[in-house]
Amino acid sequence: MQLEFPELALIAEQMEQGVVVCRNDGTIEFANPYASRFFAFHLNELVGKKVNDLSPDFKFNPEKMTDSKVNLNRISIKNKFGDVVYFNATLVKAVSGERIIVMIEDVTREVQSQSGLITKINVIEKLTKSRLIRDGHLTRAVQEILLESAIALNIERVNAWKADKDFTMIECIGNYTRSTNTFNDNIVLLRKDMPAYFKMLASQEIIATNYALEDHRTEELVEPYLEKYGITSMIDVPIRIEGEMIGVVCFEHVGAPRKWDLTERKFGMFVAQLISLTLESFEKQKSQHQLEKVIKEKSELLKELGRD
């Protein structure tokens, strides 16, 4: 179908908003390119469809519209590629009363961000109550933190590293891969092999890159690490105890490059603090056990001397 006024069709085709025109029975007669991209259908596939068939949440009955304009918010749809997207729809009656114009606004990112924020808050609440962290069970606590972080950020890999005393190397103390639900920790990175990266870790609060394979800050990691594991985007947050950098936690995305937002960076900093707390608790527990061992050995020695 061609719009009655060619100028209107030209305007609609240039708009960064979806425009769909349908008859009162809901049959689509026109869709602009933006609507085609959003719904992931070719224009000729959209034309002729019933607008209600686009989404089960789209309760659209133009014949019962009592107002000339109706707003429908946060309608979900699974496009033909299986991706769930969200949109707001504004329905406007044409002057003739024979057609309805549907304006489509993509709110997928907004909905996903809010959903992701709720997930992060739930994970934060869960981890702050973890007895494994408070009691200093290092391996199990780190594994719990990494697994929950991967879920909260919806990423493939999360790992934590501890630096040696002279910061000549960092050794992995936990490496979680989400797709296989496995943990590994037998990886070591040496400062002599990547001096610039180690220098940044010591001096910066956070290293976040959307294009890790092209970023000059992570170029030393490309061949030995990033390409090996298919990492395209990453956030590295130093782990500190009383201001001293003692390790790093890394959040690694696999697939198309990913743009990190502020809440994701702040979540990464929270995770680094949790791992710092876990390491402190572990050291305190170790010191306590060592002290108890010394006291026990001293007591046994005194008993032996008493017998003599």
C-alpha atoms as a PDB file:
ATOM      1  CA  MET A   1       0.000   0.000   0.000  1.00  0.00           C
ATOM      2  CA  GLN A   2       1.164   3.545  -0.726  1.00  0.00           C
ATOM      3  CA  LEU A   3       0.320   6.318   1.713  1.00  0.00           C
ATOM      4  CA  GLU A   4      -2.179   8.826   0.343  1.00  0.00           C
ATOM      5  CA  PHE A   5       0.439  11.566   0.415  1.00  0.00           C
ATOM      6  CA  PRO A   6       3.876  10.583  -0.946  1.00  0.00           C
ATOM      7  CA  GLU A   7       5.495  13.297   1.179  1.00  0.00           C
ATOM      8  CA  LEU A   8       4.282  11.551   4.336  1.00  0.00           C
ATOM      9  CA  ALA A   9       5.756   8.244   3.184  1.00  0.00           C
ATOM     10  CA  LEU A  10       9.088   9.946   2.549  1.00  0.00           C
ATOM     11  CA  ILE A  11       9.064  11.476   6.039  1.00  0.00           C
ATOM     12  CA  ALA A  12       8.128   8.142   7.626  1.00  0.00           C
ATOM     13  CA  GLU A  13      10.955   6.366   5.831  1.00  0.00           C
ATOM     14  CA  GLN A  14      13.506   8.783   7.310  1.00  0.00           C
ATOM     15  CA  MET A  15      12.216   8.629  10.885  1.00  0.00           C
ATOM     16  CA  GLU A  16      14.206   7.006  13.693  1.00  0.00           C
ATOM     17  CA  GLN A  17      10.957   5.639  15.050  1.00  0.00           C
ATOM     18  CA  GLY A  18       8.704   2.872  13.841  1.00  0.00           C
ATOM     19  CA  VAL A  19       5.619   3.786  11.844  1.00  0.00           C
ATOM     20  CA  VAL A  20       2.958   1.207  11.005  1.00  0.00           C
ATOM     21  CA  VAL A  21      -0.355   1.941   9.305  1.00  0.00           C
ATOM     22  CA  CYS A  22      -3.138  -0.627   9.523  1.00  0.00           C
ATOM     23  CA  ARG A  23      -6.799  -0.976   8.712  1.00  0.00           C
ATOM     24  CA  ASN A  24      -9.394  -1.053  11.466  1.00  0.00           C
ATOM     25  CA  ASP A  25      -9.297  -4.852  11.418  1.00  0.00           C
ATOM     26  CA  GLY A  26      -5.587  -4.686  12.319  1.00  0.00           C
ATOM     27  CA  THR A  27      -4.161  -5.638   8.922  1.00  0.00           C
ATOM     28  CA  ILE A  28      -0.865  -3.825   8.281  1.00  0.00           C
ATOM     29  CA  GLU A  29      -0.843  -1.817   5.062  1.00  0.00           C
ATOM     30  CA  PHE A  30       2.380   0.160   5.506  1.00  0.00           C
ATOM     31  CA  ALA A  31       5.535  -0.040   7.607  1.00  0.00           C
ATOM     32  CA  ASN A  32       8.614   2.150   7.466  1.00  0.00           C
ATOM     33  CA  PRO A  33      12.208   0.753   7.423  1.00  0.00           C
ATOM     34  CA  TYR A  34      12.694   1.373  11.161  1.00  0.00           C
ATOM     35  CA  ALA A  35       9.668  -0.812  11.980  1.00  0.00           C
ATOM     36  CA  SER A  36      10.995  -3.454   9.615  1.00  0.00           C
ATOM     37  CA  ARG A  37      14.378  -3.528  11.392  1.00  0.00           C
ATOM     38  CA  PHE A  38      12.825  -3.508  14.842  1.00  0.00           C
ATOM     39  CA  PHE A  39      10.468  -6.430  14.204  1.00  0.00           C
ATOM     40  CA  ALA A  40      13.134  -8.207  12.098  1.00  0.00           C
ATOM     41  CA  PHE A  41      10.823  -8.684   9.126  1.00  0.00           C
ATOM     42  CA  HIS A  42      11.223  -7.524   5.559  1.00  0.00           C
ATOM     43  CA  LEU A  43       8.754  -4.814   4.621  1.00  0.00           C
ATOM     44  CA  ASN A  44       6.867  -7.189   2.336  1.00  0.00           C
ATOM     45  CA  GLU A  45       6.613  -9.668   5.217  1.00  0.00           C
ATOM     46  CA  LEU A  46       5.056  -7.089   7.544  1.00  0.00           C
ATOM     47  CA  VAL A  47       2.488  -5.867   5.067  1.00  0.00           C
ATOM     48  CA  GLY A  48      -0.586  -8.088   5.276  1.00  0.00           C
ATOM     49  CA  LYS A  49       0.105  -9.310   8.812  1.00  0.00           C
ATOM     50  CA  LYS A  50      -2.308  -8.627  11.633  1.00  0.00           C
ATOM     51  CA  VAL A  51      -0.728  -6.173  14.058  1.00  0.00           C
ATOM     52  CA  ASN A  52      -1.882  -8.297  17.020  1.00  0.00           C
ATOM     53  CA  ASP A  53       0.120 -11.216  15.603  1.00  0.00           C
ATOM     54  CA  LEU A  54       3.338  -9.318  16.271  1.00  0.00           C
ATOM     55  CA  SER A  55       3.041  -9.847  20.019  1.00  0.00           C
ATOM     56  CA  PRO A  56       0.641 -11.641  22.399  1.00  0.00           C
ATOM     57  CA  ASP A  57       0.974  -8.560  24.654  1.00  0.00           C
ATOM     58  CA  PHE A  58      -0.292  -6.273  21.901  1.00  0.00           C
ATOM     59  CA  LYS A  59      -3.991  -6.061  22.872  1.00  0.00           C
ATOM     60  CA  PHE A  60      -4.976  -3.957  19.927  1.00  0.00           C
ATOM     61  CA  ASN A  61      -8.625  -3.522  18.947  1.00  0.00           C
ATOM     62  CA  PRO A  62      -8.995  -0.336  16.874  1.00  0.00           C
ATOM     63  CA  GLU A  63     -12.731  -0.816  16.492  1.00  0.00           C
ATOM     64  CA  LYS A  64     -13.156  -0.355  20.251  1.00  0.00           C
ATOM     65  CA  MET A  65     -10.925   2.714  20.534  1.00  0.00           C
ATOM     66  CA  THR A  66     -12.969   5.401  22.278  1.00  0.00           C
ATOM     67  CA  ASP A  67     -10.154   7.966  22.178  1.00  0.00           C
ATOM     68  CA  SER A  68      -8.333   9.203  19.115  1.00  0.00           C
ATOM     69  CA  LYS A  69      -5.004   8.396  20.799  1.00  0.00           C
ATOM     70  CA  VAL A  70      -4.034   5.402  22.964  1.00  0.00           C
ATOM     71  CA  ASN A  71      -0.671   4.608  24.565  1.00  0.00           C
ATOM     72  CA  LEU A  72       0.476   1.021  25.188  1.00  0.00           C
ATOM     73  CA  ASN A  73       3.701   0.686  27.199  1.00  0.00           C
ATOM     74  CA  ARG A  74       6.412  -1.949  27.429  1.00  0.00           C
ATOM     75  CA  ILE A  75       5.018  -4.492  25.028  1.00  0.00           C
ATOM     76  CA  SER A  76       7.286  -7.514  24.691  1.00  0.00           C
ATOM     77  CA  ILE A  77       7.851  -9.376  21.459  1.00  0.00           C
ATOM     78  CA  LYS A  78      10.115 -12.189  20.339  1.00  0.00           C
ATOM     79  CA  ASN A  79      11.242 -11.392  16.823  1.00  0.00           C
ATOM     80  CA  LYS A  80      11.797 -14.077  14.196  1.00  0.00           C
ATOM     81  CA  PHE A  81      15.428 -14.466  15.344  1.00  0.00           C
ATOM     82  CA  GLY A  82      14.259 -15.332  18.849  1.00  0.00           C
ATOM     83  CA  ASP A  83      15.408 -12.043  20.447  1.00  0.00           C
ATOM     84  CA  VAL A  84      13.050 -10.522  23.017  1.00  0.00           C
ATOM     85  CA  VAL A  85      12.577  -6.794  22.458  1.00  0.00           C
ATOM     86  CA  TYR A  86      10.302  -4.217  24.076  1.00  0.00           C
ATOM     87  CA  PHE A  87       8.454  -1.234  22.685  1.00  0.00           C
ATOM     88  CA  ASN A  88       5.961   1.482  23.525  1.00  0.00           C
ATOM     89  CA  ALA A  89       3.171   1.939  21.005  1.00  0.00           C
ATOM     90  CA  THR A  90       1.109   5.062  20.381  1.00  0.00           C
ATOM     91  CA  LEU A  91      -2.094   4.394  18.422  1.00  0.00           C
ATOM     92  CA  VAL A  92      -3.603   7.353  16.581  1.00  0.00           C
ATOM     93  CA  LYS A  93      -6.821   7.292  14.557  1.00  0.00           C
ATOM     94  CA  ALA A  94      -6.475   8.705  11.068  1.00  0.00           C
ATOM     95  CA  VAL A  95      -8.695  11.679  10.287  1.00  0.00           C
ATOM     96  CA  SER A  96     -10.723   9.540   7.913  1.00  0.00           C
ATOM     97  CA  GLY A  97     -11.348   7.037  10.702  1.00  0.00           C
ATOM     98  CA  GLU A  98     -10.547   4.176   8.353  1.00  0.00           C
ATOM     99  CA  ARG A  99      -7.004   3.476   9.500  1.00  0.00           C
ATOM    100  CA  ILE A 100      -4.846   3.495  12.614  1.00  0.00           C
ATOM    101  CA  ILE A 101      -1.291   4.845  12.730  1.00  0.00           C
ATOM    102  CA  VAL A 102       0.940   3.008  15.200  1.00  0.00           C
ATOM    103  CA  MET A 103       4.111   4.773  16.354  1.00  0.00           C
ATOM    104  CA  ILE A 104       6.760   2.363  17.695  1.00  0.00           C
ATOM    105  CA  GLU A 105       9.378   3.406  20.269  1.00  0.00           C
ATOM    106  CA  ASP A 106      12.117   0.896  21.087  1.00  0.00           C
ATOM    107  CA  VAL A 107      12.559   0.679  24.898  1.00  0.00           C
ATOM    108  CA  THR A 108      14.468  -2.612  24.948  1.00  0.00           C
ATOM    109  CA  ARG A 109      17.634  -1.132  26.397  1.00  0.00           C
ATOM    110  CA  GLU A 110      15.726   0.692  29.119  1.00  0.00           C
ATOM    111  CA  VAL A 111      13.800  -2.429  30.167  1.00  0.00           C
ATOM    112  CA  GLN A 112      16.919  -4.603  30.088  1.00  0.00           C
ATOM    113  CA  SER A 113      18.856  -2.063  32.148  1.00  0.00           C
ATOM    114  CA  GLN A 114      16.176  -1.961  34.830  1.00  0.00           C
ATOM    115  CA  SER A 115      15.907  -5.746  34.856  1.00  0.00           C
ATOM    116  CA  GLY A 116      19.691  -6.029  35.050  1.00  0.00           C
ATOM    117  CA  LEU A 117      19.810  -3.548  37.926  1.00  0.00           C
ATOM    118  CA  ILE A 118      17.316  -5.611  39.918  1.00  0.00           C
ATOM    119  CA  THR A 119      19.415  -8.733  39.280  1.00  0.00           C
ATOM    120  CA  LYS A 120      22.574  -6.943  40.474  1.00  0.00           C
ATOM    121  CA  ILE A 121      20.831  -5.731  43.632  1.00  0.00           C
ATOM    122  CA  ASN A 122      19.644  -9.269  44.409  1.00  0.00           C
ATOM    123  CA  VAL A 123      23.154 -10.659  43.879  1.00  0.00           C
ATOM    124  CA  ILE A 124      24.675  -7.961  46.085  1.00  0.00           C
ATOM    125  CA  GLU A 125      22.191  -8.763  48.854  1.00  0.00           C
ATOM    126  CA  LYS A 126      22.913 -12.493  48.544  1.00  0.00           C
ATOM    127  CA  LEU A 127      26.694 -12.124  48.605  1.00  0.00           C
ATOM    128  CA  THR A 128      26.752  -9.692  51.540  1.00  0.00           C
ATOM    129  CA  LYS A 129      25.023 -12.387  53.598  1.00  0.00           C
ATOM    130  CA  SER A 130      27.386 -15.185  52.521  1.00  0.00           C
ATOM    131  CA  ARG A 131      28.900 -17.113  55.429  1.00  0.00           C
ATOM    132  CA  LEU A 132      31.606 -18.434  53.125  1.00  0.00           C
ATOM    133  CA  ILE A 133      32.941 -14.890  52.726  1.00  0.00           C
ATOM    134  CA  ARG A 134      32.660 -13.971  56.414  1.00  0.00           C
ATOM    135  CA  ASP A 135      34.252 -17.212  57.590  1.00  0.00           C
ATOM    136  CA  GLY A 136      37.190 -16.946  55.186  1.00  0.00           C
ATOM    137  CA  HIS A 137      36.571 -20.102  53.128  1.00  0.00           C
ATOM    138  CA  LEU A 138      38.713 -18.741  50.318  1.00  0.00           C
ATOM    139  CA  THR A 139      38.190 -21.166  47.424  1.00  0.00           C
ATOM    140  CA  ARG A 140      34.474 -21.730  47.937  1.00  0.00           C
ATOM    141  CA  ALA A 141      33.798 -18.046  48.647  1.00  0.00           C
ATOM    142  CA  VAL A 142      35.646 -16.896  45.530  1.00  0.00           C
ATOM    143  CA  GLN A 143      33.773 -19.461  43.428  1.00  0.00           C
ATOM    144  CA  GLU A 144      30.444 -18.229  44.795  1.00  0.00           C
ATOM    145  CA  ILE A 145      31.350 -14.604  44.041  1.00  0.00           C
ATOM    146  CA  LEU A 146      32.479 -15.386  40.485  1.00  0.00           C
ATOM    147  CA  LEU A 147      29.422 -17.477  39.641  1.00  0.00           C
ATOM    148  CA  GLU A 148      26.942 -14.895  40.963  1.00  0.00           C
ATOM    149  CA  SER A 149      28.838 -12.089  39.194  1.00  0.00           C
ATOM    150  CA  ALA A 150      28.644 -13.886  35.855  1.00  0.00           C
ATOM    151  CA  ILE A 151      24.882 -14.201  36.291  1.00  0.00           C
ATOM    152  CA  ALA A 152      24.429 -10.576  37.360  1.00  0.00           C
ATOM    153  CA  LEU A 153      26.423  -9.193  34.413  1.00  0.00           C
ATOM    154  CA  ASN A 154      25.308 -11.888  31.955  1.00  0.00           C
ATOM    155  CA  ILE A 155      28.872 -12.593  30.839  1.00  0.00           C
ATOM    156  CA  GLU A 156      30.824 -15.700  29.916  1.00  0.00           C
ATOM    157  CA  ARG A 157      33.904 -15.415  32.153  1.00  0.00           C
ATOM    158  CA  VAL A 158      34.799 -13.935  35.546  1.00  0.00           C
ATOM    159  CA  ASN A 159      38.122 -14.535  37.245  1.00  0.00           C
ATOM    160  CA  ALA A 160      40.113 -13.336  40.243  1.00  0.00           C
ATOM    161  CA  TRP A 161      43.876 -13.022  40.524  1.00  0.00           C
ATOM    162  CA  LYS A 162      46.236 -12.554  43.459  1.00  0.00           C
ATOM    163  CA  ALA A 163      49.559 -10.769  43.094  1.00  0.00           C
ATOM    164  CA  ASP A 164      52.775 -12.007  44.674  1.00  0.00           C
ATOM    165  CA  LYS A 165      54.555  -9.859  47.257  1.00  0.00           C
ATOM    166  CA  ASP A 166      56.823  -8.088  44.743  1.00  0.00           C
ATOM    167  CA  PHE A 167      54.098  -7.827  42.078  1.00  0.00           C
ATOM    168  CA  THR A 168      56.152  -9.776  39.552  1.00  0.00           C
ATOM    169  CA  MET A 169      53.178 -11.977  38.675  1.00  0.00           C
ATOM    170  CA  ILE A 170      49.481 -12.513  39.232  1.00  0.00           C
ATOM    171  CA  GLU A 171      48.133 -15.999  39.871  1.00  0.00           C
ATOM    172  CA  CYS A 172      44.527 -16.983  39.192  1.00  0.00           C
ATOM    173  CA  ILE A 173      42.674 -17.995  42.376  1.00  0.00           C
ATOM    174  CA  GLY A 174      39.376 -18.615  40.602  1.00  0.00           C
ATOM    175  CA  ASN A 175      38.240 -18.633  36.980  1.00  0.00           C
ATOM    176  CA  TYR A 176      34.566 -19.274  36.185  1.00  0.00           C
ATOM    177  CA  THR A 177      33.290 -20.097  32.680  1.00  0.00           C
ATOM    178  CA  ARG A 178      29.526 -19.787  32.500  1.00  0.00           C
ATOM    179  CA  SER A 179      28.785 -21.817  29.369  1.00  0.00           C
ATOM    180  CA  THR A 180      30.438 -24.912  30.854  1.00  0.00           C
ATOM    181  CA  ASN A 181      29.738 -24.052  34.509  1.00  0.00           C
ATOM    182  CA  THR A 182      33.332 -24.893  35.391  1.00  0.00           C
ATOM    183  CA  PHE A 183      36.065 -23.419  37.587  1.00  0.00           C
ATOM    184  CA  ASN A 184      39.791 -23.355  36.817  1.00  0.00           C
ATOM    185  CA  ASP A 185      42.623 -21.566  38.568  1.00  0.00           C
ATOM    186  CA  ASN A 186      45.911 -22.812  37.125  1.00  0.00           C
ATOM    187  CA  ILE A 187      46.879 -19.679  35.183  1.00  0.00           C
ATOM    188  CA  VAL A 188      49.790 -17.311  35.851  1.00  0.00           C
ATOM    189  CA  LEU A 189      50.579 -14.012  34.127  1.00  0.00           C
ATOM    190  CA  LEU A 190      54.084 -12.544  34.457  1.00  0.00           C
ATOM    191  CA  ARG A 191      54.914  -8.859  34.729  1.00  0.00           C
ATOM    192  CA  LYS A 192      57.932  -9.250  32.450  1.00  0.00           C
ATOM    193  CA  ASP A 193      55.617 -10.359  29.635  1.00  0.00           C
ATOM    194  CA  MET A 194      53.163  -7.453  29.995  1.00  0.00           C
ATOM    195  CA  PRO A 195      54.809  -4.574  31.893  1.00  0.00           C
ATOM    196  CA  ALA A 196      52.434  -1.856  30.660  1.00  0.00           C
ATOM    197  CA  TYR A 197      49.363  -3.799  31.764  1.00  0.00           C
ATOM    198  CA  PHE A 198      50.825  -4.458  35.225  1.00  0.00           C
ATOM    199  CA  LYS A 199      51.710  -0.777  35.548  1.00  0.00           C
ATOM    200  CA  MET A 200      48.108   0.199  34.779  1.00  0.00           C
ATOM    201  CA  LEU A 201      46.760  -2.269  37.328  1.00  0.00           C
ATOM    202  CA  ALA A 202      48.918  -0.695  40.021  1.00  0.00           C
ATOM    203  CA  SER A 203      47.960   2.888  39.145  1.00  0.00           C
ATOM    204  CA  GLN A 204      44.310   2.769  38.008  1.00  0.00           C
ATOM    205  CA  GLU A 205      41.073   2.045  39.818  1.00  0.00           C
ATOM    206  CA  ILE A 206      39.453   0.315  36.865  1.00  0.00           C
ATOM    207  CA  ILE A 207      40.250  -0.668  33.274  1.00  0.00           C
ATOM    208  CA  ALA A 208      37.107  -0.919  31.146  1.00  0.00           C
ATOM    209  CA  THR A 209      37.246  -1.514  27.407  1.00  0.00           C
ATOM    210  CA  ASN A 210      34.453  -2.202  24.946  1.00  0.00           C
ATOM    211  CA  TYR A 211      36.923  -3.276  22.232  1.00  0.00           C
ATOM    212  CA  ALA A 212      39.641  -5.175  24.083  1.00  0.00           C
ATOM    213  CA  LEU A 213      41.255  -6.519  20.903  1.00  0.00           C
ATOM    214  CA  GLU A 214      41.800  -2.985  19.568  1.00  0.00           C
ATOM    215  CA  ASP A 215      42.480  -1.044  22.787  1.00  0.00           C
ATOM    216  CA  HIS A 216      46.130  -0.016  23.253  1.00  0.00           C
ATOM    217  CA  ARG A 217      45.771  -0.525  27.016  1.00  0.00           C
ATOM    218  CA  THR A 218      45.219  -4.255  26.562  1.00  0.00           C
ATOM    219  CA  GLU A 219      47.365  -4.932  23.499  1.00  0.00           C
ATOM    220  CA  GLU A 220      49.831  -7.000  25.565  1.00  0.00           C
ATOM    221  CA  LEU A 221      46.972  -9.383  26.435  1.00  0.00           C
ATOM    222  CA  VAL A 222      45.707  -9.963  22.903  1.00  0.00           C
ATOM    223  CA  GLU A 223      47.873 -12.841  21.740  1.00  0.00           C
ATOM    224  CA  PRO A 224      48.551 -14.742  24.988  1.00  0.00           C
ATOM    225  CA  TYR A 225      45.110 -14.324  26.558  1.00  0.00           C
ATOM    226  CA  LEU A 226      42.262 -12.466  24.807  1.00  0.00           C
ATOM    227  CA  GLU A 227      42.377 -14.307  21.472  1.00  0.00           C
ATOM    228  CA  LYS A 228      42.899 -17.618  23.239  1.00  0.00           C
ATOM    229  CA  TYR A 229      39.603 -17.302  25.122  1.00  0.00           C
ATOM    230  CA  GLY A 230      37.635 -15.248  22.562  1.00  0.00           C
ATOM    231  CA  ILE A 231      37.377 -12.195  24.828  1.00  0.00           C
ATOM    232  CA  THR A 232      36.163  -9.025  23.087  1.00  0.00           C
ATOM    233  CA  SER A 233      35.223  -6.708  25.967  1.00  0.00           C
ATOM    234  CA  MET A 234      36.425  -6.607  29.554  1.00  0.00           C
ATOM    235  CA  ILE A 235      36.464  -4.790  32.885  1.00  0.00           C
ATOM    236  CA  ASP A 236      39.448  -5.237  35.202  1.00  0.00           C
ATOM    237  CA  VAL A 237      39.158  -3.906  38.761  1.00  0.00           C
ATOM    238  CA  PRO A 238      42.152  -3.921  41.136  1.00  0.00           C
ATOM    239  CA  ILE A 239      41.645  -5.661  44.480  1.00  0.00           C
ATOM    240  CA  ARG A 240      43.045  -3.589  47.326  1.00  0.00           C
ATOM    241  CA  ILE A 241      43.578  -4.081  51.040  1.00  0.00           C
ATOM    242  CA  GLU A 242      44.227  -0.844  52.971  1.00  0.00           C
ATOM    243  CA  GLY A 243      45.061   0.895  49.710  1.00  0.00           C
ATOM    244  CA  GLU A 244      47.611  -1.677  48.558  1.00  0.00           C
ATOM    245  CA  MET A 245      46.906  -3.445  45.254  1.00  0.00           C
ATOM    246  CA  ILE A 246      47.005  -7.188  45.973  1.00  0.00           C
ATOM    247  CA  GLY A 247      45.153  -8.579  42.974  1.00  0.00           C
ATOM    248  CA  VAL A 248      42.572  -7.988  40.262  1.00  0.00           C
ATOM    249  CA  VAL A 249      39.115  -9.266  39.331  1.00  0.00           C
ATOM    250  CA  CYS A 250      38.305  -9.508  35.618  1.00  0.00           C
ATOM    251  CA  PHE A 251      34.911  -9.538  33.916  1.00  0.00           C
ATOM    252  CA  GLU A 252      35.240 -10.888  30.380  1.00  0.00           C
ATOM    253  CA  HIS A 253      32.640 -10.792  27.616  1.00  0.00           C
ATOM    254  CA  VAL A 254      32.792 -13.215  24.686  1.00  0.00           C
ATOM    255  CA  GLY A 255      31.072 -12.469  21.370  1.00  0.00           C
ATOM    256  CA  ALA A 256      30.177  -9.154  19.745  1.00  0.00           C
ATOM    257  CA  PRO A 257      31.855  -6.191  21.520  1.00  0.00           C
ATOM    258  CA  ARG A 258      29.874  -4.961  24.499  1.00  0.00           C
ATOM    259  CA  LYS A 259      29.450  -1.435  25.813  1.00  0.00           C
ATOM    260  CA  TRP A 260      29.774  -1.346  29.611  1.00  0.00           C
ATOM    261  CA  ASP A 261      27.511   1.053  31.504  1.00  0.00           C
ATOM    262  CA  LEU A 262      28.150   2.827  34.806  1.00  0.00           C
ATOM    263  CA  THR A 263      26.167   0.358  36.928  1.00  0.00           C
ATOM    264  CA  GLU A 264      28.226  -2.534  35.536  1.00  0.00           C
ATOM    265  CA  ARG A 265      31.464  -0.759  36.412  1.00  0.00           C
ATOM    266  CA  LYS A 266      30.245   0.023  39.920  1.00  0.00           C
ATOM    267  CA  PHE A 267      29.140  -3.583  40.348  1.00  0.00           C
ATOM    268  CA  GLY A 268      32.660  -4.656  39.379  1.00  0.00           C
ATOM    269  CA  MET A 269      34.089  -2.436  42.108  1.00  0.00           C
ATOM    270  CA  PHE A 270      31.703  -3.984  44.638  1.00  0.00           C
ATOM    271  CA  VAL A 271      32.869  -7.477  43.649  1.00  0.00           C
ATOM    272  CA  ALA A 272      36.515  -6.418  44.063  1.00  0.00           C
ATOM    273  CA  GLN A 273      35.716  -5.236  47.589  1.00  0.00           C
ATOM    274  CA  LEU A 274      34.028  -8.547  48.379  1.00  0.00           C
ATOM    275  CA  ILE A 275      37.054 -10.518  47.230  1.00  0.00           C
ATOM    276  CA  SER A 276      39.254  -8.200  49.293  1.00  0.00           C
ATOM    277  CA  LEU A 277      37.091  -8.968  52.328  1.00  0.00           C
ATOM    278  CA  THR A 278      37.307 -12.694  51.569  1.00  0.00           C
ATOM    279  CA  LEU A 279      41.119 -12.569  51.409  1.00  0.00           C
ATOM    280  CA  GLU A 280      41.284 -10.596  54.660  1.00  0.00           C
ATOM    281  CA  SER A 281      38.982 -13.092  56.392  1.00  0.00           C
ATOM    282  CA  PHE A 282      41.061 -15.972  55.051  1.00  0.00           C
ATOM    283  CA  GLU A 283      44.303 -14.452  56.350  1.00  0.00           C
ATOM    284  CA  LYS A 284      42.744 -13.811  59.760  1.00  0.00           C
ATOM    285  CA  GLN A 285      41.478 -17.378  59.933  1.00  0.00           C
ATOM    286  CA  LYS A 286      44.889 -18.681  58.904  1.00  0.00           C
ATOM    287  CA  SER A 287      46.613 -16.533  61.540  1.00  0.00           C
ATOM    288  CA  GLN A 288      44.120 -17.704  64.163  1.00  0.00           C
ATOM    289  CA  HIS A 289      44.730 -21.361  63.280  1.00  0.00           C
ATOM    290  CA  GLN A 290      48.492 -20.820  63.385  1.00  0.00           C
ATOM    291  CA  LEU A 291      48.186 -19.131  66.785  1.00  0.00           C
ATOM    292  CA  GLU A 292      46.051 -21.965  68.117  1.00  0.00           C
ATOM    293  CA  LYS A 293      48.582 -24.475  66.788  1.00  0.00           C
ATOM    294  CA  VAL A 294      51.472 -22.668  68.520  1.00  0.00           C
ATOM    295  CA  ILE A 295      49.535 -22.484  71.798  1.00  0.00           C
ATOM    296  CA  LYS A 296      48.711 -26.194  71.584  1.00  0.00           C
ATOM    297  CA  GLU A 297      52.327 -27.134  70.831  1.00  0.00           C
ATOM    298  CA  LYS A 298      53.504 -24.924  73.708  1.00  0.00           C
ATOM    299  CA  SER A 299      51.033 -26.575  76.071  1.00  0.00           C
ATOM    300  CA  GLU A 300      52.136 -30.033  75.015  1.00  0.00           C
ATOM    301  CA  LEU A 301      55.806 -29.059  75.420  1.00  0.00           C
ATOM    302  CA  LEU A 302      55.173 -27.758  78.941  1.00  0.00           C
ATOM    303  CA  LYS A 303      53.429 -31.005  79.810  1.00  0.00           C
ATOM    304  CA  GLU A 304      56.443 -32.984  78.540  1.00  0.00           C
ATOM    305  CA  LEU A 305      58.827 -30.809  80.545  1.00  0.00           C
ATOM    306  CA  GLY A 306      56.633 -31.245  83.628  1.00  0.00           C
ATOM    307  CA  ARG A 307      56.908 -35.009  83.336  1.00  0.00           C
ATOM    308  CA  ASP A 308      60.682 -34.773  83.273  1.00  0.00           C
END
